[in-house]
Protein backbone atom coordinates (compact mmCIF):
# COMPACT_ATOMS: atom_id res chain seq x y z
CA MET A 1 -11.13 16.80 24.63
CA ASN A 2 -8.33 19.19 23.53
CA ARG A 3 -5.10 17.18 23.17
CA LYS A 4 -2.97 19.73 21.40
CA THR A 5 0.64 19.75 22.68
CA PRO A 6 3.04 22.56 22.84
CA PHE A 7 4.46 21.19 19.57
CA SER A 8 1.45 22.60 17.79
CA LEU A 9 2.85 26.08 18.39
CA VAL A 10 6.28 25.16 17.27
CA ALA A 11 4.90 23.61 14.17
CA ALA A 12 2.76 26.63 13.28
CA THR A 13 5.76 28.90 13.70
CA LEU A 14 8.00 26.67 11.62
CA ALA A 15 5.38 26.25 8.87
CA ALA A 16 5.03 30.03 8.66
CA ALA A 17 8.79 30.55 8.57
CA LEU A 18 9.18 28.01 5.79
CA GLY A 19 6.25 29.47 3.71
CA LEU A 20 4.40 26.16 3.69
CA GLY A 21 0.86 25.78 2.47
CA GLN A 22 -2.09 25.24 4.74
CA ALA A 23 -2.07 21.45 4.15
CA GLN A 24 1.44 21.21 5.36
CA ALA A 25 0.82 23.49 8.31
CA ASP A 26 -2.12 21.34 9.39
CA TRP A 27 -0.12 18.21 8.85
CA MET A 28 2.89 19.43 10.85
CA GLU A 29 0.53 20.26 13.78
CA LYS A 30 -0.52 16.69 13.84
CA MET A 31 2.88 15.19 14.00
CA GLN A 32 2.94 15.59 17.88
CA GLY A 33 5.43 13.21 19.45
CA TRP A 34 6.96 11.66 16.31
CA TRP A 35 8.11 14.86 14.73
CA GLY A 36 8.97 16.42 18.01
CA GLN A 37 11.29 13.64 18.85
CA ALA A 38 12.99 13.58 15.48
CA THR A 39 13.29 17.30 14.77
CA ASP A 40 16.63 17.91 16.53
CA LYS A 41 18.21 14.70 15.22
CA ALA A 42 16.97 15.44 11.68
CA GLY A 43 18.23 19.01 11.90
CA GLU A 44 21.71 17.66 12.82
CA VAL A 45 21.64 15.40 9.75
CA TYR A 46 20.54 18.15 7.50
CA ASP A 47 23.46 20.23 8.80
CA GLN A 48 25.93 17.37 8.37
CA ALA A 49 24.78 16.95 4.87
CA LYS A 50 25.71 20.52 4.14
CA THR A 51 29.12 20.40 5.79
CA ALA A 52 30.70 17.11 6.59
CA TYR A 53 30.15 15.25 3.27
CA LYS A 54 28.24 17.12 0.75
CA ASP A 55 31.29 18.39 -1.13
CA ASN A 56 33.04 15.13 -0.70
CA TRP A 57 30.50 12.45 -1.63
CA ALA A 58 32.07 12.07 -5.01
CA VAL A 59 35.15 10.54 -3.42
CA LEU A 60 33.45 8.67 -0.59
CA PRO A 61 33.77 4.95 -0.91
CA GLY A 62 31.65 2.24 0.50
CA GLU A 63 29.53 -0.88 -0.08
CA ILE A 64 26.17 -0.84 1.77
CA THR A 65 23.06 -2.87 1.90
CA VAL A 66 19.81 -1.07 2.45
CA CYS A 67 17.02 -3.12 3.85
CA VAL A 68 13.71 -1.48 3.24
CA ALA A 69 10.05 -2.16 3.71
CA THR A 70 8.35 -3.29 0.49
CA GLU A 71 6.11 -0.22 0.40
CA LEU A 72 9.10 2.08 -0.34
CA LYS A 73 10.83 -0.29 -2.70
CA ASP A 74 9.95 1.69 -5.91
CA TRP A 75 10.90 5.03 -4.48
CA ILE A 76 14.28 3.64 -3.34
CA ASN A 77 15.11 1.71 -6.53
CA THR A 78 13.81 4.15 -9.16
CA ASP A 79 14.58 7.49 -7.51
CA VAL A 80 16.77 7.44 -4.49
CA VAL A 81 19.53 4.99 -5.51
CA PRO A 82 20.07 6.35 -9.12
CA GLN A 83 20.15 9.96 -7.79
CA PHE A 84 22.44 9.12 -4.88
CA LYS A 85 24.83 7.20 -7.26
CA GLN A 86 25.19 10.41 -9.28
CA GLN A 87 26.44 12.24 -6.20
CA ALA A 88 28.28 9.33 -4.64
CA PRO A 89 29.50 7.15 -7.53
CA LEU A 90 32.01 5.22 -5.39
CA ILE A 91 29.34 3.94 -2.99
CA SER A 92 27.78 0.66 -4.07
CA VAL A 93 24.17 0.27 -2.78
CA LYS A 94 22.40 -3.10 -2.66
CA VAL A 95 18.75 -2.91 -1.82
CA GLU A 96 16.86 -5.73 0.03
CA ALA A 97 13.10 -5.06 -0.09
CA HIS A 98 10.92 -7.15 2.12
CA GLY A 99 7.93 -7.08 4.40
CA SER A 100 8.60 -5.40 7.74
CA GLY A 101 7.98 -8.68 9.53
CA GLU A 102 10.58 -10.46 7.38
CA LEU A 103 13.03 -7.56 8.00
CA ALA A 104 12.50 -7.79 11.83
CA ASP A 105 12.99 -11.60 11.72
CA ALA A 106 16.27 -11.08 9.79
CA MET A 107 17.53 -8.48 12.27
CA ASN A 108 16.66 -10.73 15.21
CA ALA A 109 18.54 -13.47 13.48
CA ASP A 110 21.90 -11.64 13.94
CA ASN A 111 21.19 -9.43 10.97
CA SER A 112 21.07 -12.28 8.60
CA MET A 113 20.52 -9.95 5.54
CA LYS A 114 23.63 -7.99 6.50
CA CYS A 115 21.72 -4.72 6.49
CA ASP A 116 23.83 -1.55 6.84
CA VAL A 117 20.63 0.68 6.82
CA LEU A 118 17.18 -0.57 7.96
CA ILE A 119 13.96 1.19 6.93
CA ALA A 120 10.98 -0.58 8.45
CA GLY A 121 7.36 0.35 7.79
CA SER A 122 6.73 2.03 11.11
CA ASP A 123 7.90 2.24 14.72
CA VAL A 124 5.43 -0.60 15.48
CA ALA A 125 7.12 -2.76 12.86
CA GLY A 126 10.58 -1.67 14.03
CA LEU A 127 9.97 -2.63 17.59
CA ARG A 128 9.66 -6.21 16.55
CA TRP A 129 13.44 -6.15 16.23
CA LYS A 130 14.88 -6.36 19.65
CA GLY A 131 17.64 -3.88 18.84
CA PHE A 132 15.30 -1.11 17.63
CA LYS A 133 15.80 2.15 19.55
CA ILE A 134 13.33 5.06 18.99
CA GLY A 135 15.97 7.64 19.80
CA GLU A 136 18.26 6.48 17.03
CA ARG A 137 15.69 6.36 14.15
CA LEU A 138 14.70 9.03 11.66
CA PRO A 139 11.37 8.91 9.85
CA VAL A 140 11.86 9.21 6.14
CA ALA A 141 8.24 9.13 4.90
CA TYR A 142 4.71 9.11 6.29
CA SER A 143 1.52 7.19 5.45
CA ALA A 144 -1.60 6.74 7.48
CA THR A 145 -3.31 3.44 7.59
CA VAL A 146 -6.94 3.76 6.53
CA TRP A 147 -10.06 1.70 6.10
CA VAL A 148 -11.33 1.58 2.43
CA GLY A 149 -14.67 0.32 1.21
CA ASP A 150 -17.65 0.71 -1.21
CA LYS A 151 -19.47 3.84 -0.27
CA ASP A 152 -22.88 2.27 -0.88
CA LYS A 153 -21.95 -0.71 1.27
CA LEU A 154 -20.81 1.51 4.11
CA ALA A 155 -24.02 3.62 3.77
CA ALA A 156 -25.87 0.43 4.27
CA ALA A 157 -23.78 -0.29 7.36
CA ARG A 158 -24.70 2.97 8.87
CA ALA A 159 -28.36 2.38 8.20
CA PHE A 160 -28.09 -0.99 9.82
CA LEU A 161 -26.49 0.48 12.93
CA GLY A 162 -29.03 3.30 13.07
CA LYS A 163 -26.44 5.95 12.41
CA PRO A 164 -27.07 9.14 10.34
CA ALA A 165 -26.02 9.24 6.75
CA GLY A 166 -22.44 10.32 6.38
CA SER A 167 -21.62 9.90 10.09
CA PRO A 168 -18.24 8.53 11.18
CA LEU A 169 -17.93 4.71 11.41
CA SER A 170 -15.63 3.56 14.21
CA CYS A 171 -13.51 0.42 14.41
CA THR A 172 -16.13 -0.99 16.70
CA ASP A 173 -18.92 -0.16 14.20
CA LEU A 174 -17.15 -1.89 11.39
CA ALA A 175 -16.49 -4.91 13.51
CA THR A 176 -20.18 -5.06 14.59
CA VAL A 177 -21.35 -5.14 10.95
CA ALA A 178 -18.65 -7.72 9.98
CA GLY A 179 -20.30 -9.98 12.50
CA GLN A 180 -23.31 -10.29 10.28
CA GLY A 181 -21.22 -12.09 7.70
CA ARG A 182 -23.41 -11.57 4.56
CA TYR A 183 -24.34 -8.34 3.00
CA SER A 184 -27.92 -9.46 2.73
CA LYS A 185 -28.11 -9.45 6.56
CA ILE A 186 -27.71 -5.69 6.56
CA LYS A 187 -29.37 -4.72 3.18
CA GLU A 188 -32.20 -6.58 1.58
CA GLY A 189 -31.13 -7.89 -1.78
CA GLY A 190 -27.47 -7.36 -1.02
CA THR A 191 -25.02 -10.00 -2.38
CA GLY A 192 -21.54 -10.83 -1.19
CA LYS A 193 -20.14 -10.44 2.27
CA VAL A 194 -19.16 -7.73 4.78
CA ASP A 195 -15.76 -8.87 5.91
CA VAL A 196 -13.52 -6.32 7.69
CA GLU A 197 -9.83 -7.31 7.09
CA MET A 198 -6.42 -6.17 8.00
CA THR A 199 -3.13 -7.85 7.20
CA THR A 200 -0.67 -9.48 9.65
CA SER A 201 2.02 -7.13 8.12
CA ASN A 202 2.77 -3.57 9.16
CA SER A 203 -0.43 -2.01 7.92
CA GLY A 204 -2.67 -4.28 9.85
CA GLN A 205 -0.56 -4.07 12.98
CA SER A 206 -0.61 -0.32 12.79
CA MET A 207 -4.37 -0.44 12.27
CA TYR A 208 -4.84 -2.63 15.32
CA VAL A 209 -2.93 -0.08 17.50
CA SER A 210 -4.92 2.71 16.06
CA CYS A 211 -8.16 0.86 16.79
CA VAL A 212 -7.06 0.21 20.40
CA TYR A 213 -6.29 3.91 20.80
CA SER A 214 -9.69 4.80 19.16
CA ILE A 215 -11.75 2.38 21.26
CA VAL A 216 -10.10 3.41 24.50
CA ASP A 217 -9.88 7.07 23.51
CA ALA A 218 -6.22 7.36 24.24
CA ILE A 219 -3.16 8.89 22.43
CA ASP A 220 -0.40 6.79 23.81
CA PRO A 221 0.29 3.44 25.60
CA GLN A 222 0.35 5.04 29.05
CA GLU A 223 -3.10 6.49 28.64
CA VAL A 224 -4.32 3.07 27.31
CA GLU A 225 -3.17 1.46 30.44
CA GLN A 226 -4.74 4.13 32.67
CA LYS A 227 -8.10 3.82 31.05
CA LEU A 228 -8.12 0.01 30.88
CA ASN A 229 -7.31 -0.04 34.60
CA ALA A 230 -10.13 2.44 35.21
CA ASN A 231 -12.63 0.56 32.97
CA PRO A 232 -11.68 -3.12 32.22
CA ALA A 233 -14.73 -3.50 30.14
CA LEU A 234 -12.89 -1.62 27.44
CA GLU A 235 -10.65 -4.62 26.96
CA ASP A 236 -13.74 -6.64 25.98
CA GLN A 237 -14.43 -4.08 23.27
CA VAL A 238 -10.93 -4.35 21.93
CA ARG A 239 -11.25 -8.24 21.89
CA ALA A 240 -14.61 -8.00 20.24
CA PHE A 241 -13.16 -5.87 17.48
CA PHE A 242 -10.24 -8.16 16.92
CA LYS A 243 -12.34 -11.27 16.99
CA ALA A 244 -14.58 -9.91 14.22
CA VAL A 245 -11.85 -8.89 11.72
CA LYS A 246 -10.05 -11.23 9.36
CA PHE A 247 -6.28 -11.29 10.16
CA ASP A 248 -4.35 -13.75 8.13
CA VAL A 249 -2.99 -12.27 4.80
CA ASP A 250 0.71 -11.29 5.22
CA SER A 251 0.96 -8.60 2.51
CA THR A 252 -0.85 -5.24 2.12
CA THR A 253 -0.24 -5.29 -1.58
CA THR A 254 -1.80 -8.71 -1.78
CA LEU A 255 -4.85 -7.81 0.16
CA THR A 256 -5.29 -4.50 -1.64
CA ALA A 257 -4.38 -5.01 -5.18
CA LYS A 258 -4.02 -8.64 -6.07
CA ALA A 259 -6.69 -11.12 -6.99
CA GLU A 260 -5.70 -13.58 -4.30
CA GLY A 261 -6.43 -10.91 -1.68
CA GLU A 262 -10.06 -10.96 -2.77
CA PHE A 263 -10.72 -7.22 -2.40
CA MET A 264 -10.31 -7.10 -6.20
CA HIS A 265 -12.95 -9.84 -6.52
CA PRO A 266 -14.12 -11.19 -9.88
CA ASN A 267 -17.64 -10.19 -8.97
CA GLY A 268 -16.58 -6.61 -8.26
CA ILE A 269 -14.23 -4.67 -6.03
CA ALA A 270 -15.25 -5.07 -2.41
CA TYR A 271 -17.77 -7.79 -3.19
CA LYS A 272 -16.54 -9.72 -0.14
CA HIS A 273 -15.56 -6.81 2.07
CA LEU A 274 -17.12 -3.99 3.99
CA ALA A 275 -13.71 -2.51 4.46
CA ILE A 276 -10.00 -3.31 4.39
CA ALA A 277 -7.03 -1.72 6.16
CA THR A 278 -4.42 -0.36 3.72
CA TYR A 279 -2.07 2.53 3.14
CA GLU A 280 -2.96 6.01 1.90
CA SER A 281 -0.44 5.26 -1.00
CA PHE A 282 -2.98 2.84 -2.55
CA LEU A 283 -5.82 5.38 -2.65
CA PRO A 284 -5.26 6.65 -6.22
CA LEU A 285 -5.14 3.06 -7.68
CA LEU A 286 -8.28 2.04 -5.69
CA ALA A 287 -10.19 5.20 -6.60
CA ALA A 288 -9.59 4.51 -10.19
CA GLU A 289 -10.69 0.88 -9.89
CA PHE A 290 -13.89 1.80 -8.08
CA ALA A 291 -14.64 4.44 -10.75
CA LYS A 292 -13.99 1.98 -13.52
CA GLN A 293 -16.64 -0.31 -12.02
CA GLY A 294 -19.14 2.49 -11.59
CA LYS A 295 -18.70 2.65 -7.85
CA GLU A 296 -17.39 5.23 -5.39
CA MET A 297 -14.66 4.67 -2.80
CA GLU A 298 -14.99 5.68 0.84
CA VAL A 299 -12.03 6.26 3.04
CA ILE A 300 -12.26 6.08 6.87
CA TYR A 301 -9.58 7.16 9.19
CA PRO A 302 -9.60 5.74 12.78
CA THR A 303 -10.66 8.29 15.44
CA ILE A 304 -7.09 8.29 16.56
CA SER A 305 -4.39 7.04 14.25
CA ILE A 306 -0.72 6.23 14.57
CA LEU A 307 1.38 6.88 11.61
CA ASN A 308 3.55 4.62 9.44
CA ASN A 309 6.71 6.68 9.64
CA PHE A 310 9.19 4.40 7.82
CA PRO A 311 12.05 4.96 10.28
CA ALA A 312 15.56 4.68 9.03
CA VAL A 313 18.20 3.26 11.31
CA ARG A 314 21.93 3.15 10.51
CA ILE A 315 23.13 -0.32 11.56
CA THR A 316 26.64 0.28 10.36
CA THR A 317 28.06 3.48 11.90
CA GLU A 318 31.83 3.03 11.89
CA GLY A 319 34.42 2.92 9.11
CA LYS A 320 34.03 3.64 5.48
CA ASN A 321 30.64 1.99 5.33
CA GLY A 322 29.65 4.03 8.39
CA ASN A 323 30.41 7.22 6.44
CA ALA A 324 28.52 5.73 3.53
CA THR A 325 25.29 4.98 5.57
CA LEU A 326 25.44 8.49 6.95
CA ALA A 327 25.62 9.93 3.49
CA PHE A 328 22.82 7.75 2.28
CA VAL A 329 20.43 8.72 5.20
CA GLN A 330 21.32 12.36 4.57
CA PHE A 331 20.35 11.92 1.05
CA LEU A 332 17.05 10.24 1.99
CA LEU A 333 16.12 13.26 4.02
CA GLY A 334 17.16 15.84 1.55
CA GLU A 335 14.67 17.74 -0.58
CA ASP A 336 15.84 16.13 -3.89
CA ALA A 337 14.82 12.63 -2.65
CA GLN A 338 11.81 13.74 -0.56
CA ARG A 339 10.27 15.73 -3.30
CA ARG A 340 9.55 12.54 -5.21
CA LEU A 341 7.80 10.68 -2.39
CA PRO A 342 4.29 12.08 -3.23
CA HIS A 343 4.70 10.47 -6.69
CA PHE A 344 4.72 7.14 -4.85
CA GLY A 345 1.74 8.00 -2.56
CA PHE A 346 3.69 9.01 0.57
CA ARG A 347 3.95 12.16 2.61
CA PRO A 348 7.41 13.60 2.87
CA ALA A 349 9.21 13.66 6.20
CA ASN A 350 11.13 16.76 5.29
CA PRO A 351 8.82 19.67 6.16
CA LYS A 352 10.44 21.91 3.57
CA VAL A 353 8.87 19.89 0.73
CA ASP A 354 5.49 21.32 -0.26
CA TYR A 355 3.32 18.62 -1.80
CA SER A 356 0.03 20.57 -1.72
CA LYS A 357 -0.15 20.77 -5.53
CA GLU A 358 0.62 17.11 -6.06
CA PRO A 359 -2.24 14.97 -7.35
CA ILE A 360 -1.91 12.63 -4.32
CA ALA A 361 -2.62 15.54 -1.89
CA LYS A 362 -6.31 15.38 -2.56
CA PHE A 363 -6.45 11.90 -0.93
CA PHE A 364 -4.63 13.03 2.25
CA ASN A 365 -6.61 13.97 5.30
CA ASN A 366 -4.60 16.49 7.27
CA LYS A 367 -7.03 16.89 10.06
CA ILE A 368 -6.72 13.43 11.73
CA GLU A 369 -5.74 13.14 15.41
CA VAL A 370 -2.48 11.34 15.66
CA GLY A 371 -1.40 9.29 18.69
CA ASP A 372 2.12 8.41 19.77
CA SER A 373 3.44 5.03 18.74
CA PRO A 374 4.65 2.59 21.51
CA SER A 375 8.25 3.58 22.23
CA THR A 376 9.40 0.24 23.63
CA GLN A 377 8.85 -3.34 22.68
CA GLN A 378 7.21 -4.03 26.09
CA MET A 379 4.58 -1.26 25.37
CA LEU A 380 3.79 -2.98 22.11
CA ARG A 381 3.59 -6.40 23.72
CA ASP A 382 1.16 -4.98 26.25
CA LEU A 383 -1.16 -3.79 23.52
CA TRP A 384 -1.11 -7.22 21.85
CA ASP A 385 -1.57 -8.95 25.14
CA ILE A 386 -5.19 -7.71 25.25
CA VAL A 387 -6.02 -10.16 22.45
CA SER A 388 -3.46 -12.89 23.03
CA ALA A 389 -6.11 -15.48 23.63
CA GLU A 390 -7.15 -15.27 19.99
CA PRO A 391 -5.13 -17.79 18.02
CA LYS A 392 -4.76 -15.38 15.09
CA ALA A 393 -2.86 -13.00 17.26
CA GLN A 394 0.02 -15.50 17.28
CA ALA A 395 0.90 -14.14 13.78
CA VAL A 396 2.53 -11.15 15.64
CA LYS A 397 5.90 -12.29 16.60
CA PHE A 398 8.50 -10.54 18.69
């Protein structure tokens, strides 16, 4: 099925005009709805950065609090804020870095963190805040959520399922194998377990939506609804997937890189897991850990993915702090700040930044099919309602 939208033509033209590499050209083509929705607004911000404030940032006052998803904390604290302070020394910036769920809870509690700028992990995470509006947000970075596991273990999973070596493994495939519980059930002499796990935080919720799209073969919530109405049995496949996966750890960093997450098990990485859902930004660290243990990492992208786009929303838009938040978001989108994103494992949102020669680029798959995130909270609720009978689904709060 060919799902390319007219945006693919726009992206190809823009990529050529900007002189971008093939990796960026491919990536831009996959942006589809997200980048298409944001291009005009981002262009306005770029223009404002050049005209309204760029020459005046040195005298622009303000005191702002930037509430940011934990994943971008290092980029914001070590790169963005120090560089921004050089250009806008009279603007005080306080950073509150938390999980996207905690940020959404704070916003729903009458903005208890007093955020002037909010940067959630994705539109999916942002929609948990009742005031989140797709049309008012600007993506500042991109990262796909991926499945990561031990290549040998995943090869055994294919053999167990009767699939050819090297063939794609779907969300349903992973869940089917996870149902076996122990590695010895799929490979004689195997030790450990074959858990498939995703967090209750943004990465896991994004993976859930990606797997719903992939199981149903849809690229947006409307198509999901149409196909479920036509074939209700697809809902059973979604429920079976969700029932089989572990869904209780509330931090992607904990699951991926900390001992208590158990992917980094004392008996060896992935000893208890067939695969975990995590961000692309963790791939260099994980590849090094697998290699150190004499193993090889395998990365699996869902058939259809939604992207973690780290949308920035200006909460304060009036007065001196409104001017300060505009300047800060402008700086986030500028090439100076965006150029450093690949060093932290993220794809830049500014299409003028060429990251093809960055070490992280080899970990990025630019040929994935990208679906459109839910654009309203009700759309997101409808997707989670499919599995609402599962007690663990109660971890997702609106």
